[in-house]
Amino acid sequence: MEEIKVSPDYNWFRSTVPLKRIIVDDDDSKVWSMYDAGPKSIRCPIIFLPPVSGTAEVFFQQLLALTGWGYRVISLQYPVYWDLMEFCDGFRKLLDHLQLDKVHLFGASLGGFLAQKFAECTHKSPRVHSLILCNSFSDTSIFNQTWTANSFWLMPAFMLKKIVLGNFAKGPVDPKMADAIDFMVDRVFDQSALSLEAKEEMYKLYPNARRAHLKTGGNFPYLCRSAEVNLYIQIHLRQFHGTRYAAISPDMVSTEELEVQESHLSSNQEDDQ
């Protein structure tokens, strides 16, 4: 965890990108926290939704990299909502407040589940132009610790950390993956270690979706394999360049496309070695 928390990129992010807080509901206790970086003229940005109780800062590496290439990136931390329709209504109000008609969504774990439900909820008047799901699921029955759910709030932090760590695969992992797990556990309780059945169900739901598989990366590839994840996001968003749904500043397109091509070529060469 210390490796990420003291890294130059993380400290740069914390010192340069302000955290904003927005209330869009009648209930003043429901506060959306967000990082919004990149050109504000972009009306169809990419929005990142974090895992269970996750903070908006877990996507700091995507925010730094993508805004550097001219993209508008928003990373959210949502307030507590007790049902899906309430969340969807709150998220819709937030987009209205930000004057965003349509957006691209990147959802990790529960964030991906909520992104799917929001797209479903708004299908008659679409607000989601494209969707990227990372270690996500379509059914909340994958959470298998319901017997302790009611007592989580009573537990000290070290007990919660022990429970979370018990969900991850045993055995050696490389240092970056270990740092990513510790960084997330310090901020999140997240059952994102998906079963094969949960993954297969997602494949069935989206048979025509493009799949990006990482050989390594664990449950939080956006932290420990950020360069690869950022490349996949760029490749996905390139199809919208030159349209009203572009998430990138027009004057940055040529430079960004060249970098994607070079990075893709470099990645393929590494895979061949």
Protein backbone atom coordinates (compact mmCIF):
# COMPACT_ATOMS: atom_id res chain seq x y z
CA MET A 1 0.00 0.00 0.00
CA GLU A 2 2.83 2.38 0.85
CA GLU A 3 4.25 2.04 -2.67
CA ILE A 4 1.11 3.53 -4.21
CA LYS A 5 0.37 6.08 -1.47
CA VAL A 6 3.84 7.60 -1.68
CA SER A 7 4.23 7.32 -5.45
CA PRO A 8 4.91 10.54 -7.39
CA ASP A 9 1.82 10.00 -9.57
CA TYR A 10 -0.50 9.64 -6.57
CA ASN A 11 0.94 12.67 -4.80
CA TRP A 12 0.74 14.70 -8.01
CA PHE A 13 -2.89 13.68 -8.43
CA ARG A 14 -3.78 14.62 -4.85
CA SER A 15 -2.06 17.99 -5.13
CA THR A 16 -3.39 19.06 -8.53
CA VAL A 17 -6.89 17.60 -9.01
CA PRO A 18 -9.50 19.02 -6.61
CA LEU A 19 -12.18 16.85 -5.07
CA LYS A 20 -15.63 18.32 -5.64
CA ARG A 21 -18.79 17.56 -3.66
CA ILE A 22 -22.24 17.91 -5.19
CA ILE A 23 -25.76 17.43 -3.77
CA VAL A 24 -28.52 16.77 -6.30
CA ASP A 25 -31.17 15.15 -4.07
CA ASP A 26 -33.56 16.73 -1.60
CA ASP A 27 -31.72 14.79 1.10
CA ASP A 28 -28.65 16.90 1.93
CA SER A 29 -26.87 13.86 3.37
CA LYS A 30 -26.54 12.32 -0.09
CA VAL A 31 -23.30 13.85 -1.36
CA TRP A 32 -21.60 12.85 -4.61
CA SER A 33 -17.82 13.24 -4.53
CA MET A 34 -16.00 13.58 -7.83
CA TYR A 35 -12.80 14.39 -9.63
CA ASP A 36 -13.47 16.15 -12.94
CA ALA A 37 -10.40 16.76 -15.09
CA GLY A 38 -9.78 17.53 -18.74
CA PRO A 39 -11.45 19.98 -21.15
CA LYS A 40 -14.87 21.05 -19.86
CA SER A 41 -15.98 21.66 -23.45
CA ILE A 42 -16.31 17.88 -23.84
CA ARG A 43 -19.97 16.97 -23.31
CA CYS A 44 -19.60 13.17 -23.44
CA PRO A 45 -16.77 12.34 -21.01
CA ILE A 46 -15.81 8.97 -19.63
CA ILE A 47 -17.04 8.45 -16.07
CA PHE A 48 -15.51 5.91 -13.68
CA LEU A 49 -17.65 4.14 -11.07
CA PRO A 50 -15.71 2.48 -8.22
CA PRO A 51 -16.24 -0.81 -6.38
CA VAL A 52 -18.25 -1.26 -3.17
CA SER A 53 -17.75 1.78 -0.90
CA GLY A 54 -14.81 2.66 -3.10
CA THR A 55 -13.44 6.14 -3.36
CA ALA A 56 -13.12 8.18 -6.52
CA GLU A 57 -9.32 8.27 -6.14
CA VAL A 58 -8.82 4.58 -6.97
CA PHE A 59 -8.87 5.56 -10.66
CA PHE A 60 -6.19 8.22 -10.27
CA GLN A 61 -3.88 6.56 -12.79
CA GLN A 62 -6.58 6.55 -15.47
CA LEU A 63 -7.42 10.17 -14.73
CA LEU A 64 -3.81 11.33 -15.02
CA ALA A 65 -3.03 9.36 -18.17
CA LEU A 66 -6.23 10.03 -20.11
CA THR A 67 -6.45 13.74 -19.32
CA GLY A 68 -2.84 14.01 -20.44
CA TRP A 69 -4.01 12.96 -23.90
CA GLY A 70 -6.89 15.41 -23.99
CA TYR A 71 -9.78 13.34 -22.61
CA ARG A 72 -12.29 14.61 -20.10
CA VAL A 73 -12.41 12.15 -17.22
CA ILE A 74 -14.74 12.08 -14.21
CA SER A 75 -14.23 9.70 -11.31
CA LEU A 76 -17.16 9.39 -8.91
CA GLN A 77 -17.81 8.31 -5.37
CA TYR A 78 -21.52 7.80 -4.92
CA PRO A 79 -23.54 8.37 -1.73
CA VAL A 80 -25.49 5.63 0.02
CA TYR A 81 -28.66 4.64 -1.81
CA TRP A 82 -30.83 1.81 -0.57
CA ASP A 83 -32.34 0.67 -3.86
CA LEU A 84 -31.35 0.66 -7.52
CA MET A 85 -34.05 3.02 -8.73
CA GLU A 86 -33.00 5.60 -6.15
CA PHE A 87 -29.39 5.32 -7.32
CA CYS A 88 -30.38 5.62 -10.99
CA ASP A 89 -32.51 8.68 -10.25
CA GLY A 90 -29.65 10.28 -8.30
CA PHE A 91 -27.12 9.54 -11.05
CA ARG A 92 -29.46 10.96 -13.69
CA LYS A 93 -29.84 14.14 -11.63
CA LEU A 94 -26.06 14.40 -11.35
CA LEU A 95 -25.65 14.16 -15.14
CA ASP A 96 -28.33 16.82 -15.54
CA HIS A 97 -26.51 19.04 -13.04
CA LEU A 98 -23.26 18.61 -14.99
CA GLN A 99 -25.16 19.26 -18.25
CA LEU A 100 -24.09 15.94 -19.72
CA ASP A 101 -26.55 14.39 -22.15
CA LYS A 102 -24.67 11.12 -22.75
CA VAL A 103 -21.55 9.59 -21.23
CA HIS A 104 -19.19 6.65 -21.51
CA LEU A 105 -19.10 4.55 -18.32
CA PHE A 106 -16.27 2.45 -16.88
CA GLY A 107 -17.50 0.37 -13.96
CA ALA A 108 -15.42 -1.87 -11.70
CA SER A 109 -17.09 -4.66 -9.73
CA LEU A 110 -20.21 -3.12 -8.12
CA GLY A 111 -19.57 0.02 -10.16
CA GLY A 112 -20.02 -2.09 -13.29
CA PHE A 113 -23.22 -3.61 -11.92
CA LEU A 114 -24.61 -0.12 -11.24
CA ALA A 115 -23.51 1.08 -14.68
CA GLN A 116 -25.47 -1.75 -16.30
CA LYS A 117 -28.55 -0.98 -14.23
CA PHE A 118 -28.35 2.72 -15.05
CA ALA A 119 -28.11 1.94 -18.77
CA GLU A 120 -31.11 -0.38 -18.42
CA CYS A 121 -33.08 2.17 -16.40
CA THR A 122 -32.52 4.96 -18.95
CA HIS A 123 -32.89 2.88 -22.14
CA LYS A 124 -36.01 4.79 -23.26
CA SER A 125 -34.03 8.03 -23.12
CA PRO A 126 -30.44 6.76 -23.31
CA ARG A 127 -27.78 8.45 -21.19
CA VAL A 128 -25.06 5.82 -21.67
CA HIS A 129 -23.31 5.86 -25.04
CA SER A 130 -20.83 3.08 -24.29
CA LEU A 131 -19.94 0.80 -21.41
CA ILE A 132 -16.68 -0.74 -20.17
CA LEU A 133 -16.98 -3.37 -17.45
CA CYS A 134 -14.02 -4.48 -15.33
CA ASN A 135 -14.33 -7.59 -13.14
CA SER A 136 -18.03 -6.90 -12.92
CA PHE A 137 -21.16 -9.01 -12.58
CA SER A 138 -24.84 -8.95 -13.45
CA ASP A 139 -26.27 -10.58 -10.33
CA THR A 140 -25.55 -9.61 -6.74
CA SER A 141 -25.96 -13.22 -5.58
CA ILE A 142 -22.19 -13.63 -6.09
CA PHE A 143 -21.73 -12.00 -2.69
CA ASN A 144 -21.36 -15.02 -0.44
CA GLN A 145 -20.92 -13.50 3.03
CA THR A 146 -24.52 -12.61 3.83
CA TRP A 147 -24.21 -14.34 7.19
CA THR A 148 -21.90 -11.60 8.43
CA ALA A 149 -23.27 -8.66 6.45
CA ASN A 150 -25.33 -7.25 9.32
CA SER A 151 -22.33 -7.25 11.64
CA PHE A 152 -19.78 -5.57 9.34
CA TRP A 153 -20.40 -2.17 10.87
CA LEU A 154 -19.51 -3.52 14.31
CA MET A 155 -16.14 -4.92 13.29
CA PRO A 156 -12.82 -3.17 13.83
CA ALA A 157 -10.80 -2.31 10.74
CA PHE A 158 -8.29 -5.15 11.16
CA MET A 159 -11.10 -7.72 11.15
CA LEU A 160 -12.64 -6.30 7.97
CA LYS A 161 -9.22 -6.31 6.33
CA LYS A 162 -8.76 -9.97 7.28
CA ILE A 163 -12.14 -10.87 5.73
CA VAL A 164 -11.34 -9.00 2.53
CA LEU A 165 -7.90 -10.54 2.15
CA GLY A 166 -9.47 -13.96 2.61
CA ASN A 167 -11.44 -13.44 -0.61
CA PHE A 168 -8.34 -13.22 -2.78
CA ALA A 169 -6.44 -16.13 -4.25
CA LYS A 170 -3.75 -17.58 -2.02
CA GLY A 171 -0.15 -17.84 -3.13
CA PRO A 172 2.53 -15.46 -4.32
CA VAL A 173 1.64 -12.36 -6.33
CA ASP A 174 3.94 -9.79 -7.85
CA PRO A 175 4.68 -6.63 -5.83
CA LYS A 176 2.44 -4.34 -7.90
CA MET A 177 -0.56 -6.64 -7.46
CA ALA A 178 0.12 -6.87 -3.71
CA ASP A 179 0.32 -3.06 -3.49
CA ALA A 180 -2.96 -2.75 -5.39
CA ILE A 181 -4.74 -5.17 -3.05
CA ASP A 182 -3.48 -3.36 0.05
CA PHE A 183 -4.35 0.06 -1.40
CA MET A 184 -7.90 -1.07 -2.13
CA VAL A 185 -8.40 -2.90 1.17
CA ASP A 186 -7.41 0.29 2.96
CA ARG A 187 -10.36 2.05 1.24
CA VAL A 188 -12.81 -0.62 0.13
CA PHE A 189 -14.70 -3.71 1.08
CA ASP A 190 -15.11 -5.33 -2.29
CA GLN A 191 -15.93 -8.92 -3.25
CA SER A 192 -14.58 -8.63 -6.78
CA ALA A 193 -12.85 -11.99 -7.08
CA LEU A 194 -15.38 -13.32 -9.56
CA SER A 195 -16.22 -16.97 -9.94
CA LEU A 196 -16.02 -18.65 -13.33
CA GLU A 197 -19.82 -18.89 -13.32
CA ALA A 198 -20.18 -15.13 -12.86
CA LYS A 199 -17.78 -14.46 -15.74
CA GLU A 200 -19.57 -16.91 -18.02
CA GLU A 201 -22.89 -15.25 -17.24
CA MET A 202 -21.47 -11.90 -18.33
CA TYR A 203 -20.22 -13.42 -21.58
CA LYS A 204 -23.71 -14.76 -22.28
CA LEU A 205 -25.32 -11.38 -21.61
CA TYR A 206 -22.95 -9.56 -23.96
CA PRO A 207 -22.05 -12.07 -26.72
CA ASN A 208 -21.00 -9.35 -29.16
CA ALA A 209 -18.96 -7.27 -26.73
CA ARG A 210 -15.24 -6.89 -27.21
CA ARG A 211 -13.20 -8.63 -24.53
CA ALA A 212 -9.84 -7.47 -23.23
CA HIS A 213 -7.98 -10.13 -21.24
CA LEU A 214 -4.92 -9.37 -19.15
CA LYS A 215 -2.56 -12.24 -18.40
CA THR A 216 -1.97 -10.74 -14.95
CA GLY A 217 -3.53 -7.94 -12.97
CA GLY A 218 -5.69 -9.54 -10.32
CA ASN A 219 -8.84 -7.84 -9.11
CA PHE A 220 -7.64 -4.27 -9.52
CA PRO A 221 -5.88 -4.04 -12.90
CA TYR A 222 -6.60 -0.31 -13.13
CA LEU A 223 -4.11 0.07 -10.25
CA CYS A 224 -1.46 -2.57 -10.86
CA ARG A 225 -1.65 -2.81 -14.68
CA SER A 226 -2.73 0.74 -15.38
CA ALA A 227 -0.77 1.16 -18.63
CA GLU A 228 -2.54 -1.82 -20.23
CA VAL A 229 -5.96 -0.76 -18.93
CA ASN A 230 -5.44 2.79 -20.15
CA LEU A 231 -4.51 1.48 -23.59
CA TYR A 232 -7.68 -0.62 -23.80
CA ILE A 233 -9.76 2.41 -22.78
CA GLN A 234 -8.11 4.56 -25.44
CA ILE A 235 -8.71 1.95 -28.14
CA HIS A 236 -12.36 1.70 -27.10
CA LEU A 237 -12.89 5.47 -27.15
CA ARG A 238 -11.16 5.97 -30.52
CA GLN A 239 -14.25 4.73 -32.39
CA PHE A 240 -16.06 7.91 -31.28
CA HIS A 241 -13.41 10.38 -32.45
CA GLY A 242 -14.87 13.00 -34.77
CA THR A 243 -18.43 12.51 -33.49
CA ARG A 244 -20.48 14.42 -30.92
CA TYR A 245 -19.78 11.58 -28.52
CA ALA A 246 -16.01 11.99 -28.56
CA ALA A 247 -14.52 12.13 -25.06
CA ILE A 248 -11.34 13.82 -26.33
CA SER A 249 -10.50 17.35 -27.37
CA PRO A 250 -10.46 17.48 -31.22
CA ASP A 251 -7.06 19.15 -31.39
CA MET A 252 -5.51 16.26 -29.44
CA VAL A 253 -6.79 13.43 -31.64
CA SER A 254 -3.85 13.07 -34.03
CA THR A 255 -1.23 13.00 -31.27
CA GLU A 256 -3.28 10.58 -29.16
CA GLU A 257 -3.93 8.19 -32.04
CA LEU A 258 -0.22 8.01 -32.83
CA GLU A 259 0.56 7.16 -29.20
CA VAL A 260 -2.10 4.43 -29.16
CA GLN A 261 -0.62 2.86 -32.28
CA GLU A 262 2.89 2.94 -30.83
CA SER A 263 1.74 1.54 -27.47
CA HIS A 264 -0.26 -1.21 -29.15
CA LEU A 265 2.73 -2.18 -31.29
CA SER A 266 4.99 -2.22 -28.24
CA SER A 267 2.50 -4.35 -26.30
CA ASN A 268 2.25 -6.89 -29.13
CA GLN A 269 6.03 -7.13 -29.32
CA GLU A 270 6.25 -7.84 -25.59
CA ASP A 271 3.60 -10.57 -25.91
CA ASP A 272 5.62 -12.23 -28.65
CA GLN A 273 8.75 -12.42 -26.52
